[in-house]
């Protein structure tokens, strides 16, 4: 299945150098997801019972190549709850966190937890969110939830002017 991507950005950042840099990094991940070998690896791992960590392992090499660090600790020192992102990269005065989801994207509201992490982090204003296009939770492959579409539908309102948060931009990747 060909990967999908959807970009969100607050209007005031649309033409900024900051967003151009963030969007360029998003495009590099999207190109990586479209490589035949990457698509094959994801297809093999995007099955019932597989944890998001196994999908995360696939994008690890690209995230390292682009300067992201795995599970950066210390970003949330002002909060008692133990929180950390899957990957983090500083860009100028801000940063990007990457979160990779699979089965808990919607069922456990992890997309909102991921968005919340980006919102409360003083060093981050951008989120790259990797979610399955379609989530199959049984071995018969007879039913599947259109995860990518529902994730985008749920996050759309945060990028309407009256609903802006500290998250300046978001790239949602459907693998």
Protein backbone atom coordinates (compact mmCIF):
# COMPACT_ATOMS: atom_id res chain seq x y z
CA UNK A 1 0.00 0.00 0.00
CA UNK A 2 1.45 3.38 -1.01
CA UNK A 3 2.15 5.61 2.02
CA UNK A 4 0.13 8.76 2.64
CA UNK A 5 1.03 12.12 4.17
CA UNK A 6 -1.00 15.07 5.36
CA UNK A 7 0.50 18.38 6.49
CA UNK A 8 -0.94 20.85 8.95
CA UNK A 9 0.53 24.25 9.81
CA UNK A 10 -0.73 27.33 11.57
CA UNK A 11 -1.30 30.13 9.09
CA UNK A 12 1.35 32.48 10.52
CA UNK A 13 4.07 29.85 10.03
CA UNK A 14 3.07 28.72 6.54
CA UNK A 15 5.75 30.76 4.73
CA UNK A 16 8.36 30.67 7.50
CA UNK A 17 11.85 29.26 7.12
CA UNK A 18 11.10 27.14 10.17
CA UNK A 19 8.14 25.42 8.48
CA UNK A 20 10.10 25.01 5.22
CA UNK A 21 12.79 23.12 7.18
CA UNK A 22 10.19 21.00 8.99
CA UNK A 23 8.31 20.27 5.76
CA UNK A 24 11.59 19.33 4.06
CA UNK A 25 12.28 16.77 6.79
CA UNK A 26 8.72 15.47 6.42
CA UNK A 27 9.28 15.03 2.70
CA UNK A 28 12.47 13.05 3.34
CA UNK A 29 10.56 10.67 5.61
CA UNK A 30 7.80 10.37 3.02
CA UNK A 31 10.35 9.52 0.32
CA UNK A 32 11.85 6.91 2.66
CA UNK A 33 8.42 5.37 3.31
CA UNK A 34 7.92 5.10 -0.47
CA UNK A 35 11.07 3.06 -1.05
CA UNK A 36 10.14 -0.48 -2.14
CA UNK A 37 12.22 -2.08 0.63
CA UNK A 38 10.66 0.16 3.31
CA UNK A 39 7.15 -0.56 2.04
CA UNK A 40 7.91 -4.29 2.12
CA UNK A 41 9.25 -4.14 5.70
CA UNK A 42 6.21 -2.17 6.88
CA UNK A 43 3.82 -4.56 5.16
CA UNK A 44 5.51 -7.48 6.94
CA UNK A 45 5.28 -5.76 10.35
CA UNK A 46 1.87 -4.09 10.08
CA UNK A 47 -0.02 -7.17 11.19
CA UNK A 48 -2.21 -8.15 14.16
CA UNK A 49 -0.30 -8.48 17.41
CA UNK A 50 2.67 -6.38 16.28
CA UNK A 51 3.61 -3.47 18.55
CA UNK A 52 4.40 0.05 17.35
CA UNK A 53 8.01 -0.49 18.47
CA UNK A 54 8.54 -2.83 15.50
CA UNK A 55 7.36 -0.12 13.08
CA UNK A 56 9.53 2.37 14.97
CA UNK A 57 12.57 0.14 14.32
CA UNK A 58 11.97 0.47 10.57
CA UNK A 59 12.16 4.27 10.62
CA UNK A 60 15.07 4.34 13.10
CA UNK A 61 17.79 4.43 10.43
CA UNK A 62 16.17 7.35 8.59
CA UNK A 63 15.51 9.27 11.78
CA UNK A 64 19.16 8.84 12.81
CA UNK A 65 20.33 9.92 9.35
CA UNK A 66 18.21 13.10 9.65
CA UNK A 67 19.61 13.92 13.11
CA UNK A 68 16.79 12.73 15.36
CA UNK A 69 17.68 11.13 18.68
CA UNK A 70 15.81 8.14 20.03
CA UNK A 71 13.60 8.59 23.11
CA UNK A 72 15.16 11.86 24.27
CA UNK A 73 14.85 12.18 28.00
CA UNK A 74 14.73 15.48 29.83
CA UNK A 75 12.31 17.28 27.50
CA UNK A 76 9.56 17.16 30.11
CA UNK A 77 11.43 17.99 33.32
CA UNK A 78 8.67 20.37 34.48
CA UNK A 79 6.15 17.51 34.64
CA UNK A 80 6.00 14.75 37.25
CA UNK A 81 4.58 12.25 34.81
CA UNK A 82 7.26 10.24 33.01
CA UNK A 83 6.94 11.37 29.40
CA UNK A 84 9.28 11.05 26.43
CA UNK A 85 8.94 10.99 22.66
CA UNK A 86 9.94 8.19 20.30
CA UNK A 87 12.39 10.56 18.56
CA UNK A 88 13.42 14.21 18.93
CA UNK A 89 15.33 16.77 16.87
CA UNK A 90 16.13 20.35 17.77
CA UNK A 91 15.73 22.90 14.98
CA UNK A 92 16.72 26.43 15.87
CA UNK A 93 14.79 27.61 18.93
CA UNK A 94 12.23 24.79 18.69
CA UNK A 95 12.11 21.13 17.78
CA UNK A 96 10.25 18.17 16.35
CA UNK A 97 9.10 15.04 18.08
CA UNK A 98 8.20 11.84 16.27
CA UNK A 99 5.60 9.44 17.57
CA UNK A 100 4.98 6.05 15.97
CA UNK A 101 1.62 4.42 16.62
CA UNK A 102 -0.08 1.23 15.55
CA UNK A 103 -2.99 -0.37 17.41
CA UNK A 104 -3.42 2.29 20.07
CA UNK A 105 -3.65 5.26 17.70
CA UNK A 106 -7.37 5.67 18.25
CA UNK A 107 -8.46 2.95 20.67
CA UNK A 108 -6.32 4.32 23.48
CA UNK A 109 -6.36 7.95 22.27
CA UNK A 110 -2.60 7.87 21.78
CA UNK A 111 -2.79 10.45 18.99
CA UNK A 112 -4.17 12.94 21.50
CA UNK A 113 -1.47 11.99 24.03
CA UNK A 114 1.15 12.54 21.32
CA UNK A 115 -0.36 15.91 20.40
CA UNK A 116 -0.52 16.82 24.10
CA UNK A 117 3.19 15.96 24.52
CA UNK A 118 4.08 18.33 21.72
CA UNK A 119 1.74 21.00 23.12
CA UNK A 120 3.25 21.00 26.63
CA UNK A 121 6.92 20.63 25.68
CA UNK A 122 8.72 23.97 25.92
CA UNK A 123 11.37 22.87 23.40
CA UNK A 124 9.06 21.51 20.69
CA UNK A 125 6.41 22.95 18.37
CA UNK A 126 6.24 20.30 15.64
CA UNK A 127 5.00 16.72 15.56
CA UNK A 128 5.56 13.91 13.06
CA UNK A 129 2.93 11.24 13.66
CA UNK A 130 3.20 7.81 12.01
CA UNK A 131 -0.02 5.76 11.97
CA UNK A 132 -1.32 2.82 9.94
CA UNK A 133 -3.55 3.64 7.00
CA UNK A 134 -5.74 0.72 7.90
CA UNK A 135 -5.52 -1.19 11.15
CA UNK A 136 -6.32 -4.88 11.04
CA UNK A 137 -6.59 -6.38 14.51
CA UNK A 138 -7.38 -9.98 13.59
CA UNK A 139 -5.62 -12.65 11.58
CA UNK A 140 -8.49 -13.09 9.12
CA UNK A 141 -7.92 -9.55 7.76
CA UNK A 142 -11.68 -9.26 7.34
CA UNK A 143 -12.12 -6.06 9.27
CA UNK A 144 -10.01 -2.98 9.40
CA UNK A 145 -10.28 0.49 10.74
CA UNK A 146 -9.37 3.37 8.44
CA UNK A 147 -6.94 4.76 10.99
CA UNK A 148 -5.14 7.39 8.88
CA UNK A 149 -8.38 9.06 7.79
CA UNK A 150 -9.84 9.04 11.30
CA UNK A 151 -6.62 10.40 12.82
CA UNK A 152 -6.64 13.28 10.31
CA UNK A 153 -10.34 13.93 10.92
CA UNK A 154 -9.68 14.08 14.69
CA UNK A 155 -6.67 16.41 14.40
CA UNK A 156 -8.07 18.79 11.72
CA UNK A 157 -9.83 21.06 14.25
CA UNK A 158 -6.55 21.88 16.03
CA UNK A 159 -5.43 23.75 12.91
CA UNK A 160 -8.48 25.97 12.65
CA UNK A 161 -7.45 29.48 13.75
CA UNK A 162 -9.72 29.60 16.79
CA UNK A 163 -8.30 26.29 18.10
CA UNK A 164 -4.55 26.88 17.79
CA UNK A 165 -2.26 25.35 20.41
CA UNK A 166 1.52 25.40 20.84
CA UNK A 167 1.74 22.83 18.03
CA UNK A 168 2.67 25.00 15.05
CA UNK A 169 2.80 22.16 12.56
CA UNK A 170 2.02 18.49 12.16
CA UNK A 171 2.86 15.87 9.55
CA UNK A 172 0.74 12.72 9.66
CA UNK A 173 2.20 9.74 7.84
CA UNK A 174 -0.02 6.80 6.90
CA UNK A 175 2.04 3.65 6.49
